[in-house]
């Protein structure tokens, strides 16, 4: 994702959880990522800065990811439904909110009987030095926030490495479906912010990933060209989201016009980046609503 299409989205976390604290980015050692499987998409072309991690807002973030991985979170076999979800954290394609929008989401899905797989996709390179990184972020936000750019079909441009990572994640999950007790026809994807963009782009790319369902959590909702066989989509957004709260709801209109299933939750408050943080706003209820939606589509129990 070279280029500037996502300049206005390059944020570690657009709004802090309540209470706003621990907002300083503190470097940490790269954590042990038990069970992480390296995907076959290779190293990010031209990358020279190694992967690093930091803590912020009581969570942990990765940046300068040059090699993609997929980490399984499998449910208790006694309650496994056979459905699965690829989880794509956000972070403006400069960082990944690995805990709040990755591991915590995957654990919650596994507790409901859904196999979950956290995708650590490749990112735009940032300065290795934390002060230099912070300064680059300040400079980036010195001007107006620009919305993401889309092509004539409504698909986001400049995402070739990330779409390749998502496709590889689907391919790996299907290849190991028997080992992980997964129904290959019931694998979906959920993404947050930049991860929501990747989720939508993966669907609109129309190649071999073919998610069975998708979740768009505080991503941009501009109109798109919806495939005739588009999967059911679940959308959650806070009305006070500083990035996407005032951009209209064309995505919803597009899905409805195509007569494809869509569910949309617009929360009064919540800001951007609420994820699995326990805030006082009703946006905290998005996951329970998502789980009920999965259940409505028969994904919380084995296929009949």
C-alpha atoms as a PDB file:
ATOM      1  CA  UNK A   1       0.000   0.000   0.000  1.00  0.00           C
ATOM      2  CA  UNK A   2       2.407   2.522  -1.143  1.00  0.00           C
ATOM      3  CA  UNK A   3       1.167   5.970  -1.972  1.00  0.00           C
ATOM      4  CA  UNK A   4      -1.021   8.447  -0.179  1.00  0.00           C
ATOM      5  CA  UNK A   5      -4.524   7.057  -0.582  1.00  0.00           C
ATOM      6  CA  UNK A   6      -4.785   6.455   3.131  1.00  0.00           C
ATOM      7  CA  UNK A   7      -2.940   9.471   4.469  1.00  0.00           C
ATOM      8  CA  UNK A   8      -5.803  10.637   6.627  1.00  0.00           C
ATOM      9  CA  UNK A   9      -6.256   7.185   8.160  1.00  0.00           C
ATOM     10  CA  UNK A  10      -2.751   6.575   9.400  1.00  0.00           C
ATOM     11  CA  UNK A  11      -3.541   6.596  13.090  1.00  0.00           C
ATOM     12  CA  UNK A  12      -2.610   4.331  15.920  1.00  0.00           C
ATOM     13  CA  UNK A  13      -5.985   4.734  17.573  1.00  0.00           C
ATOM     14  CA  UNK A  14      -8.278   7.551  16.531  1.00  0.00           C
ATOM     15  CA  UNK A  15      -9.949   7.938  19.882  1.00  0.00           C
ATOM     16  CA  UNK A  16      -8.921   6.653  23.263  1.00  0.00           C
ATOM     17  CA  UNK A  17     -11.155   4.463  25.379  1.00  0.00           C
ATOM     18  CA  UNK A  18     -12.791   6.014  28.424  1.00  0.00           C
ATOM     19  CA  UNK A  19     -11.131   7.005  30.575  1.00  0.00           C
ATOM     20  CA  UNK A  20      -8.491   8.444  28.255  1.00  0.00           C
ATOM     21  CA  UNK A  21      -5.262   7.285  29.771  1.00  0.00           C
ATOM     22  CA  UNK A  22      -2.017   5.505  28.902  1.00  0.00           C
ATOM     23  CA  UNK A  23      -2.059   7.378  25.614  1.00  0.00           C
ATOM     24  CA  UNK A  24       1.704   7.519  25.315  1.00  0.00           C
ATOM     25  CA  UNK A  25       3.221   5.096  22.823  1.00  0.00           C
ATOM     26  CA  UNK A  26       5.733   3.034  24.797  1.00  0.00           C
ATOM     27  CA  UNK A  27       8.027   0.622  22.925  1.00  0.00           C
ATOM     28  CA  UNK A  28       7.812  -2.997  24.079  1.00  0.00           C
ATOM     29  CA  UNK A  29       9.581  -6.189  23.086  1.00  0.00           C
ATOM     30  CA  UNK A  30       7.979  -8.124  20.247  1.00  0.00           C
ATOM     31  CA  UNK A  31       5.695 -10.497  22.143  1.00  0.00           C
ATOM     32  CA  UNK A  32       5.630 -14.250  21.737  1.00  0.00           C
ATOM     33  CA  UNK A  33       2.828 -14.928  19.265  1.00  0.00           C
ATOM     34  CA  UNK A  34       2.088 -18.515  20.111  1.00  0.00           C
ATOM     35  CA  UNK A  35       0.618 -20.452  17.235  1.00  0.00           C
ATOM     36  CA  UNK A  36       1.187 -17.726  14.621  1.00  0.00           C
ATOM     37  CA  UNK A  37       1.600 -19.216  11.144  1.00  0.00           C
ATOM     38  CA  UNK A  38       3.638 -17.396   8.512  1.00  0.00           C
ATOM     39  CA  UNK A  39       1.665 -16.839   5.323  1.00  0.00           C
ATOM     40  CA  UNK A  40       3.212 -17.556   1.937  1.00  0.00           C
ATOM     41  CA  UNK A  41       3.042 -13.993   0.594  1.00  0.00           C
ATOM     42  CA  UNK A  42       6.717 -13.273   1.304  1.00  0.00           C
ATOM     43  CA  UNK A  43       8.354 -10.147   2.674  1.00  0.00           C
ATOM     44  CA  UNK A  44       7.031  -6.673   1.898  1.00  0.00           C
ATOM     45  CA  UNK A  45       8.924  -5.475  -1.214  1.00  0.00           C
ATOM     46  CA  UNK A  46      11.505  -2.815  -0.452  1.00  0.00           C
ATOM     47  CA  UNK A  47      11.056  -3.017   3.326  1.00  0.00           C
ATOM     48  CA  UNK A  48      14.099  -2.084   5.397  1.00  0.00           C
ATOM     49  CA  UNK A  49      12.655  -1.329   8.870  1.00  0.00           C
ATOM     50  CA  UNK A  50      12.037  -4.395  11.073  1.00  0.00           C
ATOM     51  CA  UNK A  51       8.791  -5.136  12.888  1.00  0.00           C
ATOM     52  CA  UNK A  52       8.363  -3.432  16.261  1.00  0.00           C
ATOM     53  CA  UNK A  53       5.635  -3.176  18.896  1.00  0.00           C
ATOM     54  CA  UNK A  54       4.406  -0.615  21.396  1.00  0.00           C
ATOM     55  CA  UNK A  55       1.753  -0.249  24.061  1.00  0.00           C
ATOM     56  CA  UNK A  56      -0.896   2.471  24.152  1.00  0.00           C
ATOM     57  CA  UNK A  57      -4.380   2.856  25.648  1.00  0.00           C
ATOM     58  CA  UNK A  58      -3.867  -0.312  27.690  1.00  0.00           C
ATOM     59  CA  UNK A  59      -3.429  -2.342  24.502  1.00  0.00           C
ATOM     60  CA  UNK A  60      -0.579  -3.398  22.217  1.00  0.00           C
ATOM     61  CA  UNK A  61       0.165  -2.469  18.614  1.00  0.00           C
ATOM     62  CA  UNK A  62       2.461  -3.801  15.915  1.00  0.00           C
ATOM     63  CA  UNK A  63       4.063  -1.697  13.202  1.00  0.00           C
ATOM     64  CA  UNK A  64       6.461  -2.207  10.304  1.00  0.00           C
ATOM     65  CA  UNK A  65       5.026  -5.668   9.731  1.00  0.00           C
ATOM     66  CA  UNK A  66       6.928  -7.033   6.756  1.00  0.00           C
ATOM     67  CA  UNK A  67       5.831 -10.690   6.872  1.00  0.00           C
ATOM     68  CA  UNK A  68       2.175 -11.625   7.304  1.00  0.00           C
ATOM     69  CA  UNK A  69       0.994 -14.208   9.811  1.00  0.00           C
ATOM     70  CA  UNK A  70      -2.273 -15.854  10.823  1.00  0.00           C
ATOM     71  CA  UNK A  71      -2.928 -16.841  14.448  1.00  0.00           C
ATOM     72  CA  UNK A  72      -5.708 -19.379  15.169  1.00  0.00           C
ATOM     73  CA  UNK A  73      -8.032 -19.114  18.163  1.00  0.00           C
ATOM     74  CA  UNK A  74     -10.025 -22.348  18.113  1.00  0.00           C
ATOM     75  CA  UNK A  75     -13.197 -22.980  20.122  1.00  0.00           C
ATOM     76  CA  UNK A  76     -13.842 -25.830  22.519  1.00  0.00           C
ATOM     77  CA  UNK A  77     -14.685 -28.773  20.215  1.00  0.00           C
ATOM     78  CA  UNK A  78     -17.819 -29.377  22.284  1.00  0.00           C
ATOM     79  CA  UNK A  79     -19.297 -26.036  21.186  1.00  0.00           C
ATOM     80  CA  UNK A  80     -17.615 -25.527  17.787  1.00  0.00           C
ATOM     81  CA  UNK A  81     -20.084 -24.590  15.062  1.00  0.00           C
ATOM     82  CA  UNK A  82     -17.777 -25.196  12.118  1.00  0.00           C
ATOM     83  CA  UNK A  83     -17.925 -21.517  11.137  1.00  0.00           C
ATOM     84  CA  UNK A  84     -14.785 -19.365  11.073  1.00  0.00           C
ATOM     85  CA  UNK A  85     -13.812 -15.691  10.871  1.00  0.00           C
ATOM     86  CA  UNK A  86     -10.654 -14.001   9.609  1.00  0.00           C
ATOM     87  CA  UNK A  87     -10.103 -10.995  11.933  1.00  0.00           C
ATOM     88  CA  UNK A  88      -8.374  -7.934  10.427  1.00  0.00           C
ATOM     89  CA  UNK A  89      -7.280  -5.316  13.013  1.00  0.00           C
ATOM     90  CA  UNK A  90      -7.045  -1.651  12.073  1.00  0.00           C
ATOM     91  CA  UNK A  91      -4.430   1.043  12.506  1.00  0.00           C
ATOM     92  CA  UNK A  92      -4.327   3.107   9.329  1.00  0.00           C
ATOM     93  CA  UNK A  93      -2.081   0.616   7.506  1.00  0.00           C
ATOM     94  CA  UNK A  94       0.788   1.928   9.659  1.00  0.00           C
ATOM     95  CA  UNK A  95       0.055  -0.031  12.810  1.00  0.00           C
ATOM     96  CA  UNK A  96      -2.148  -2.939  13.870  1.00  0.00           C
ATOM     97  CA  UNK A  97      -4.287  -2.877  17.012  1.00  0.00           C
ATOM     98  CA  UNK A  98      -3.405  -6.481  17.742  1.00  0.00           C
ATOM     99  CA  UNK A  99      -5.072  -6.781  21.138  1.00  0.00           C
ATOM    100  CA  UNK A 100      -8.204  -4.613  21.098  1.00  0.00           C
ATOM    101  CA  UNK A 101      -9.154  -5.376  17.486  1.00  0.00           C
ATOM    102  CA  UNK A 102      -7.421  -8.725  17.087  1.00  0.00           C
ATOM    103  CA  UNK A 103      -6.794 -11.174  19.889  1.00  0.00           C
ATOM    104  CA  UNK A 104      -9.639  -9.965  22.114  1.00  0.00           C
ATOM    105  CA  UNK A 105     -12.109 -10.229  19.232  1.00  0.00           C
ATOM    106  CA  UNK A 106     -10.844 -13.696  18.329  1.00  0.00           C
ATOM    107  CA  UNK A 107     -11.118 -14.931  21.910  1.00  0.00           C
ATOM    108  CA  UNK A 108     -14.689 -13.643  22.137  1.00  0.00           C
ATOM    109  CA  UNK A 109     -15.608 -15.400  18.884  1.00  0.00           C
ATOM    110  CA  UNK A 110     -14.007 -18.658  19.996  1.00  0.00           C
ATOM    111  CA  UNK A 111     -16.023 -18.484  23.226  1.00  0.00           C
ATOM    112  CA  UNK A 112     -19.162 -18.440  21.021  1.00  0.00           C
ATOM    113  CA  UNK A 113     -18.047 -21.521  19.108  1.00  0.00           C
ATOM    114  CA  UNK A 114     -16.575 -19.695  16.097  1.00  0.00           C
ATOM    115  CA  UNK A 115     -13.015 -20.478  15.000  1.00  0.00           C
ATOM    116  CA  UNK A 116     -11.184 -17.149  14.676  1.00  0.00           C
ATOM    117  CA  UNK A 117      -7.922 -16.290  12.936  1.00  0.00           C
ATOM    118  CA  UNK A 118      -6.134 -12.985  13.532  1.00  0.00           C
ATOM    119  CA  UNK A 119      -4.504 -11.668  10.383  1.00  0.00           C
ATOM    120  CA  UNK A 120      -1.324  -9.682  10.963  1.00  0.00           C
ATOM    121  CA  UNK A 121      -1.051  -8.205   7.482  1.00  0.00           C
ATOM    122  CA  UNK A 122       1.866  -6.286   6.001  1.00  0.00           C
ATOM    123  CA  UNK A 123       2.017  -2.540   6.653  1.00  0.00           C
ATOM    124  CA  UNK A 124       3.409   0.673   5.260  1.00  0.00           C
ATOM    125  CA  UNK A 125       6.895   1.326   6.589  1.00  0.00           C
ATOM    126  CA  UNK A 126       7.353   3.923   9.340  1.00  0.00           C
ATOM    127  CA  UNK A 127      10.478   5.268  11.067  1.00  0.00           C
ATOM    128  CA  UNK A 128      12.081   2.705  13.366  1.00  0.00           C
ATOM    129  CA  UNK A 129      12.757   5.297  16.065  1.00  0.00           C
ATOM    130  CA  UNK A 130       9.677   6.023  18.199  1.00  0.00           C
ATOM    131  CA  UNK A 131      10.217   9.832  18.438  1.00  0.00           C
ATOM    132  CA  UNK A 132      10.647   9.957  14.657  1.00  0.00           C
ATOM    133  CA  UNK A 133       7.496   7.888  14.213  1.00  0.00           C
ATOM    134  CA  UNK A 134       5.548  10.203  16.529  1.00  0.00           C
ATOM    135  CA  UNK A 135       6.834  13.235  14.622  1.00  0.00           C
ATOM    136  CA  UNK A 136       5.810  11.662  11.307  1.00  0.00           C
ATOM    137  CA  UNK A 137       2.310  11.179  12.690  1.00  0.00           C
ATOM    138  CA  UNK A 138       2.126  14.786  13.876  1.00  0.00           C
ATOM    139  CA  UNK A 139       3.173  16.019  10.437  1.00  0.00           C
ATOM    140  CA  UNK A 140       0.638  13.768   8.772  1.00  0.00           C
ATOM    141  CA  UNK A 141      -2.192  15.229  10.804  1.00  0.00           C
ATOM    142  CA  UNK A 142      -1.047  18.814  10.424  1.00  0.00           C
ATOM    143  CA  UNK A 143      -3.390  19.137   7.439  1.00  0.00           C
ATOM    144  CA  UNK A 144      -7.002  18.115   6.872  1.00  0.00           C
ATOM    145  CA  UNK A 145      -8.014  14.471   7.100  1.00  0.00           C
ATOM    146  CA  UNK A 146      -8.515  13.074   3.623  1.00  0.00           C
ATOM    147  CA  UNK A 147     -10.972  10.261   2.970  1.00  0.00           C
ATOM    148  CA  UNK A 148      -9.726   7.004   1.440  1.00  0.00           C
ATOM    149  CA  UNK A 149      -9.694   6.830  -2.332  1.00  0.00           C
ATOM    150  CA  UNK A 150     -11.704   4.257  -4.286  1.00  0.00           C
ATOM    151  CA  UNK A 151     -11.758   3.225  -7.930  1.00  0.00           C
ATOM    152  CA  UNK A 152     -14.763   3.385 -10.248  1.00  0.00           C
ATOM    153  CA  UNK A 153     -16.236   0.248  -8.695  1.00  0.00           C
ATOM    154  CA  UNK A 154     -15.889   1.548  -5.162  1.00  0.00           C
ATOM    155  CA  UNK A 155     -12.938  -0.718  -4.317  1.00  0.00           C
ATOM    156  CA  UNK A 156     -10.043   0.822  -2.391  1.00  0.00           C
ATOM    157  CA  UNK A 157      -6.847   1.223  -4.378  1.00  0.00           C
ATOM    158  CA  UNK A 158      -3.265   0.520  -3.372  1.00  0.00           C
ATOM    159  CA  UNK A 159      -3.976  -2.575  -1.271  1.00  0.00           C
ATOM    160  CA  UNK A 160      -2.301  -5.304  -3.322  1.00  0.00           C
ATOM    161  CA  UNK A 161      -0.029  -6.658  -0.535  1.00  0.00           C
ATOM    162  CA  UNK A 162      -2.826  -6.638   2.037  1.00  0.00           C
ATOM    163  CA  UNK A 163      -5.375  -8.271  -0.279  1.00  0.00           C
ATOM    164  CA  UNK A 164      -2.768 -10.925  -1.075  1.00  0.00           C
ATOM    165  CA  UNK A 165      -2.352 -11.528   2.662  1.00  0.00           C
ATOM    166  CA  UNK A 166      -6.118 -11.845   3.130  1.00  0.00           C
ATOM    167  CA  UNK A 167      -6.399 -14.258   0.211  1.00  0.00           C
ATOM    168  CA  UNK A 168      -3.561 -16.325   1.662  1.00  0.00           C
ATOM    169  CA  UNK A 169      -5.350 -16.384   5.017  1.00  0.00           C
ATOM    170  CA  UNK A 170      -8.500 -17.770   3.389  1.00  0.00           C
ATOM    171  CA  UNK A 171      -6.454 -20.310   1.403  1.00  0.00           C
ATOM    172  CA  UNK A 172      -4.646 -21.525   4.524  1.00  0.00           C
ATOM    173  CA  UNK A 173      -7.851 -21.761   6.552  1.00  0.00           C
ATOM    174  CA  UNK A 174      -9.530 -23.799   3.838  1.00  0.00           C
ATOM    175  CA  UNK A 175      -6.461 -26.012   3.378  1.00  0.00           C
ATOM    176  CA  UNK A 176      -6.482 -26.883   7.086  1.00  0.00           C
ATOM    177  CA  UNK A 177     -10.244 -27.010   7.441  1.00  0.00           C
ATOM    178  CA  UNK A 178     -10.306 -30.681   8.394  1.00  0.00           C
ATOM    179  CA  UNK A 179      -7.586 -30.198  11.031  1.00  0.00           C
ATOM    180  CA  UNK A 180      -9.386 -27.171  12.500  1.00  0.00           C
ATOM    181  CA  UNK A 181     -12.905 -28.635  12.083  1.00  0.00           C
ATOM    182  CA  UNK A 182     -14.052 -25.822   9.805  1.00  0.00           C
ATOM    183  CA  UNK A 183     -16.745 -25.818   7.138  1.00  0.00           C
ATOM    184  CA  UNK A 184     -15.041 -24.291   4.085  1.00  0.00           C
ATOM    185  CA  UNK A 185     -18.344 -22.723   3.008  1.00  0.00           C
ATOM    186  CA  UNK A 186     -18.764 -20.848   6.308  1.00  0.00           C
ATOM    187  CA  UNK A 187     -15.599 -18.743   6.535  1.00  0.00           C
ATOM    188  CA  UNK A 188     -16.160 -14.989   6.856  1.00  0.00           C
ATOM    189  CA  UNK A 189     -14.117 -11.904   7.663  1.00  0.00           C
ATOM    190  CA  UNK A 190     -14.474  -8.988  10.050  1.00  0.00           C
ATOM    191  CA  UNK A 191     -12.317  -5.873  10.015  1.00  0.00           C
ATOM    192  CA  UNK A 192     -11.874  -2.651  11.965  1.00  0.00           C
ATOM    193  CA  UNK A 193     -11.162   0.735  10.366  1.00  0.00           C
ATOM    194  CA  UNK A 194      -8.312   0.003   7.928  1.00  0.00           C
ATOM    195  CA  UNK A 195      -9.067  -3.687   8.511  1.00  0.00           C
ATOM    196  CA  UNK A 196     -12.675  -2.955   7.497  1.00  0.00           C
ATOM    197  CA  UNK A 197     -11.347  -1.445   4.274  1.00  0.00           C
ATOM    198  CA  UNK A 198      -9.294  -4.581   3.704  1.00  0.00           C
ATOM    199  CA  UNK A 199     -12.317  -6.775   4.436  1.00  0.00           C
ATOM    200  CA  UNK A 200     -14.440  -4.914   1.895  1.00  0.00           C
ATOM    201  CA  UNK A 201     -11.617  -4.809  -0.664  1.00  0.00           C
ATOM    202  CA  UNK A 202     -11.110  -8.563  -0.265  1.00  0.00           C
ATOM    203  CA  UNK A 203     -14.777  -9.145  -1.078  1.00  0.00           C
ATOM    204  CA  UNK A 204     -14.863  -6.676  -3.969  1.00  0.00           C
ATOM    205  CA  UNK A 205     -11.647  -8.057  -5.495  1.00  0.00           C
ATOM    206  CA  UNK A 206     -13.851 -10.937  -6.641  1.00  0.00           C
ATOM    207  CA  UNK A 207     -11.101 -13.526  -6.682  1.00  0.00           C
ATOM    208  CA  UNK A 208     -10.733 -16.714  -4.698  1.00  0.00           C
ATOM    209  CA  UNK A 209     -11.158 -15.477  -1.104  1.00  0.00           C
ATOM    210  CA  UNK A 210     -14.990 -15.288  -1.330  1.00  0.00           C
ATOM    211  CA  UNK A 211     -15.957 -14.574   2.312  1.00  0.00           C
ATOM    212  CA  UNK A 212     -19.236 -16.209   3.319  1.00  0.00           C
ATOM    213  CA  UNK A 213     -20.093 -13.106   5.373  1.00  0.00           C
ATOM    214  CA  UNK A 214     -18.318  -9.889   6.324  1.00  0.00           C
ATOM    215  CA  UNK A 215     -18.252  -7.429   9.206  1.00  0.00           C
ATOM    216  CA  UNK A 216     -17.388  -3.756   8.630  1.00  0.00           C
ATOM    217  CA  UNK A 217     -16.632  -2.133  11.997  1.00  0.00           C
ATOM    218  CA  UNK A 218     -16.093   1.655  11.856  1.00  0.00           C
ATOM    219  CA  UNK A 219     -14.864   1.625   8.279  1.00  0.00           C
ATOM    220  CA  UNK A 220     -15.759   4.087   5.501  1.00  0.00           C
ATOM    221  CA  UNK A 221     -19.263   3.590   4.128  1.00  0.00           C
ATOM    222  CA  UNK A 222     -19.067   5.096   0.674  1.00  0.00           C
ATOM    223  CA  UNK A 223     -21.133   3.573  -2.160  1.00  0.00           C
ATOM    224  CA  UNK A 224     -19.720   0.528  -3.934  1.00  0.00           C
ATOM    225  CA  UNK A 225     -20.551  -1.703  -6.862  1.00  0.00           C
ATOM    226  CA  UNK A 226     -22.018  -4.777  -5.150  1.00  0.00           C
ATOM    227  CA  UNK A 227     -21.470  -8.215  -6.724  1.00  0.00           C
ATOM    228  CA  UNK A 228     -24.619 -10.180  -7.490  1.00  0.00           C
ATOM    229  CA  UNK A 229     -23.525 -12.867  -5.047  1.00  0.00           C
ATOM    230  CA  UNK A 230     -22.303 -10.479  -2.317  1.00  0.00           C
ATOM    231  CA  UNK A 231     -22.380 -12.042   1.158  1.00  0.00           C
ATOM    232  CA  UNK A 232     -24.400 -10.813   4.144  1.00  0.00           C
ATOM    233  CA  UNK A 233     -22.716  -7.779   5.751  1.00  0.00           C
ATOM    234  CA  UNK A 234     -22.831  -6.491   9.325  1.00  0.00           C
ATOM    235  CA  UNK A 235     -21.892  -2.826   9.816  1.00  0.00           C
ATOM    236  CA  UNK A 236     -21.246  -0.904  13.050  1.00  0.00           C
ATOM    237  CA  UNK A 237     -20.306   2.774  13.295  1.00  0.00           C
ATOM    238  CA  UNK A 238     -20.528   5.557  15.880  1.00  0.00           C
ATOM    239  CA  UNK A 239     -22.231   8.755  14.711  1.00  0.00           C
ATOM    240  CA  UNK A 240     -19.476  10.781  16.384  1.00  0.00           C
ATOM    241  CA  UNK A 241     -16.694   8.880  14.588  1.00  0.00           C
ATOM    242  CA  UNK A 242     -14.265  11.678  13.576  1.00  0.00           C
ATOM    243  CA  UNK A 243     -13.220   9.856  10.416  1.00  0.00           C
ATOM    244  CA  UNK A 244     -16.332   8.219   9.002  1.00  0.00           C
ATOM    245  CA  UNK A 245     -19.273   9.536  11.015  1.00  0.00           C
ATOM    246  CA  UNK A 246     -20.124  12.226   8.456  1.00  0.00           C
ATOM    247  CA  UNK A 247     -19.368  10.407   5.238  1.00  0.00           C
ATOM    248  CA  UNK A 248     -22.839   9.106   4.464  1.00  0.00           C
ATOM    249  CA  UNK A 249     -24.039   5.521   4.292  1.00  0.00           C
ATOM    250  CA  UNK A 250     -23.704   4.687   0.631  1.00  0.00           C
ATOM    251  CA  UNK A 251     -22.403   1.205   1.366  1.00  0.00           C
ATOM    252  CA  UNK A 252     -25.665   0.358   3.117  1.00  0.00           C
ATOM    253  CA  UNK A 253     -27.695   1.785   0.236  1.00  0.00           C
ATOM    254  CA  UNK A 254     -25.573  -0.142  -2.276  1.00  0.00           C
ATOM    255  CA  UNK A 255     -26.096  -3.469  -0.502  1.00  0.00           C
ATOM    256  CA  UNK A 256     -29.844  -2.832  -0.185  1.00  0.00           C
ATOM    257  CA  UNK A 257     -30.168  -1.791  -3.833  1.00  0.00           C
ATOM    258  CA  UNK A 258     -28.469  -5.050  -4.803  1.00  0.00           C
ATOM    259  CA  UNK A 259     -31.009  -6.890  -2.613  1.00  0.00           C
ATOM    260  CA  UNK A 260     -28.250  -8.447  -0.561  1.00  0.00           C
ATOM    261  CA  UNK A 261     -28.517  -8.922   3.248  1.00  0.00           C
ATOM    262  CA  UNK A 262     -27.222  -6.016   5.359  1.00  0.00           C
ATOM    263  CA  UNK A 263     -27.495  -5.072   9.020  1.00  0.00           C
ATOM    264  CA  UNK A 264     -26.424  -1.593  10.158  1.00  0.00           C
ATOM    265  CA  UNK A 265     -25.883  -0.342  13.722  1.00  0.00           C
ATOM    266  CA  UNK A 266     -25.313   3.417  14.057  1.00  0.00           C
ATOM    267  CA  UNK A 267     -24.414   4.234  17.654  1.00  0.00           C
ATOM    268  CA  UNK A 268     -24.943   7.731  19.003  1.00  0.00           C
ATOM    269  CA  UNK A 269     -21.495   7.822  20.629  1.00  0.00           C
ATOM    270  CA  UNK A 270     -18.342   5.759  20.639  1.00  0.00           C
ATOM    271  CA  UNK A 271     -15.823   7.634  18.537  1.00  0.00           C
ATOM    272  CA  UNK A 272     -13.380   5.670  16.432  1.00  0.00           C
ATOM    273  CA  UNK A 273     -11.455   2.602  17.516  1.00  0.00           C
ATOM    274  CA  UNK A 274     -13.756   1.405  20.306  1.00  0.00           C
ATOM    275  CA  UNK A 275     -13.241  -2.260  19.435  1.00  0.00           C
ATOM    276  CA  UNK A 276     -13.465  -4.452  22.515  1.00  0.00           C
ATOM    277  CA  UNK A 277     -12.814  -1.613  24.969  1.00  0.00           C
ATOM    278  CA  UNK A 278     -15.494  -1.469  27.646  1.00  0.00           C
ATOM    279  CA  UNK A 279     -16.740   2.110  27.290  1.00  0.00           C
ATOM    280  CA  UNK A 280     -19.819   3.716  28.813  1.00  0.00           C
ATOM    281  CA  UNK A 281     -21.345   4.192  25.344  1.00  0.00           C
ATOM    282  CA  UNK A 282     -23.742   1.747  23.714  1.00  0.00           C
ATOM    283  CA  UNK A 283     -21.105   1.089  21.037  1.00  0.00           C
ATOM    284  CA  UNK A 284     -19.680  -1.417  23.513  1.00  0.00           C
ATOM    285  CA  UNK A 285     -22.642  -3.622  22.598  1.00  0.00           C
ATOM    286  CA  UNK A 286     -21.554  -4.069  18.989  1.00  0.00           C
ATOM    287  CA  UNK A 287     -19.995  -7.483  19.630  1.00  0.00           C
ATOM    288  CA  UNK A 288     -23.108  -8.947  21.244  1.00  0.00           C
ATOM    289  CA  UNK A 289     -25.127  -7.619  18.303  1.00  0.00           C
ATOM    290  CA  UNK A 290     -22.634  -9.159  15.882  1.00  0.00           C
ATOM    291  CA  UNK A 291     -22.859 -12.496  17.699  1.00  0.00           C
ATOM    292  CA  UNK A 292     -26.661 -12.408  17.543  1.00  0.00           C
ATOM    293  CA  UNK A 293     -26.428 -11.618  13.831  1.00  0.00           C
ATOM    294  CA  UNK A 294     -24.129 -14.623  13.341  1.00  0.00           C
ATOM    295  CA  UNK A 295     -26.669 -16.718  15.223  1.00  0.00           C
ATOM    296  CA  UNK A 296     -29.514 -15.408  13.039  1.00  0.00           C
ATOM    297  CA  UNK A 297     -27.583 -16.685  10.042  1.00  0.00           C
ATOM    298  CA  UNK A 298     -27.144 -20.082  11.674  1.00  0.00           C
ATOM    299  CA  UNK A 299     -23.421 -19.711  12.278  1.00  0.00           C
ATOM    300  CA  UNK A 300     -23.374 -20.379  16.035  1.00  0.00           C
ATOM    301  CA  UNK A 301     -24.339 -24.011  15.607  1.00  0.00           C
ATOM    302  CA  UNK A 302     -23.223 -26.774  13.248  1.00  0.00           C
ATOM    303  CA  UNK A 303     -24.768 -26.692   9.794  1.00  0.00           C
ATOM    304  CA  UNK A 304     -27.876 -28.805   9.513  1.00  0.00           C
END
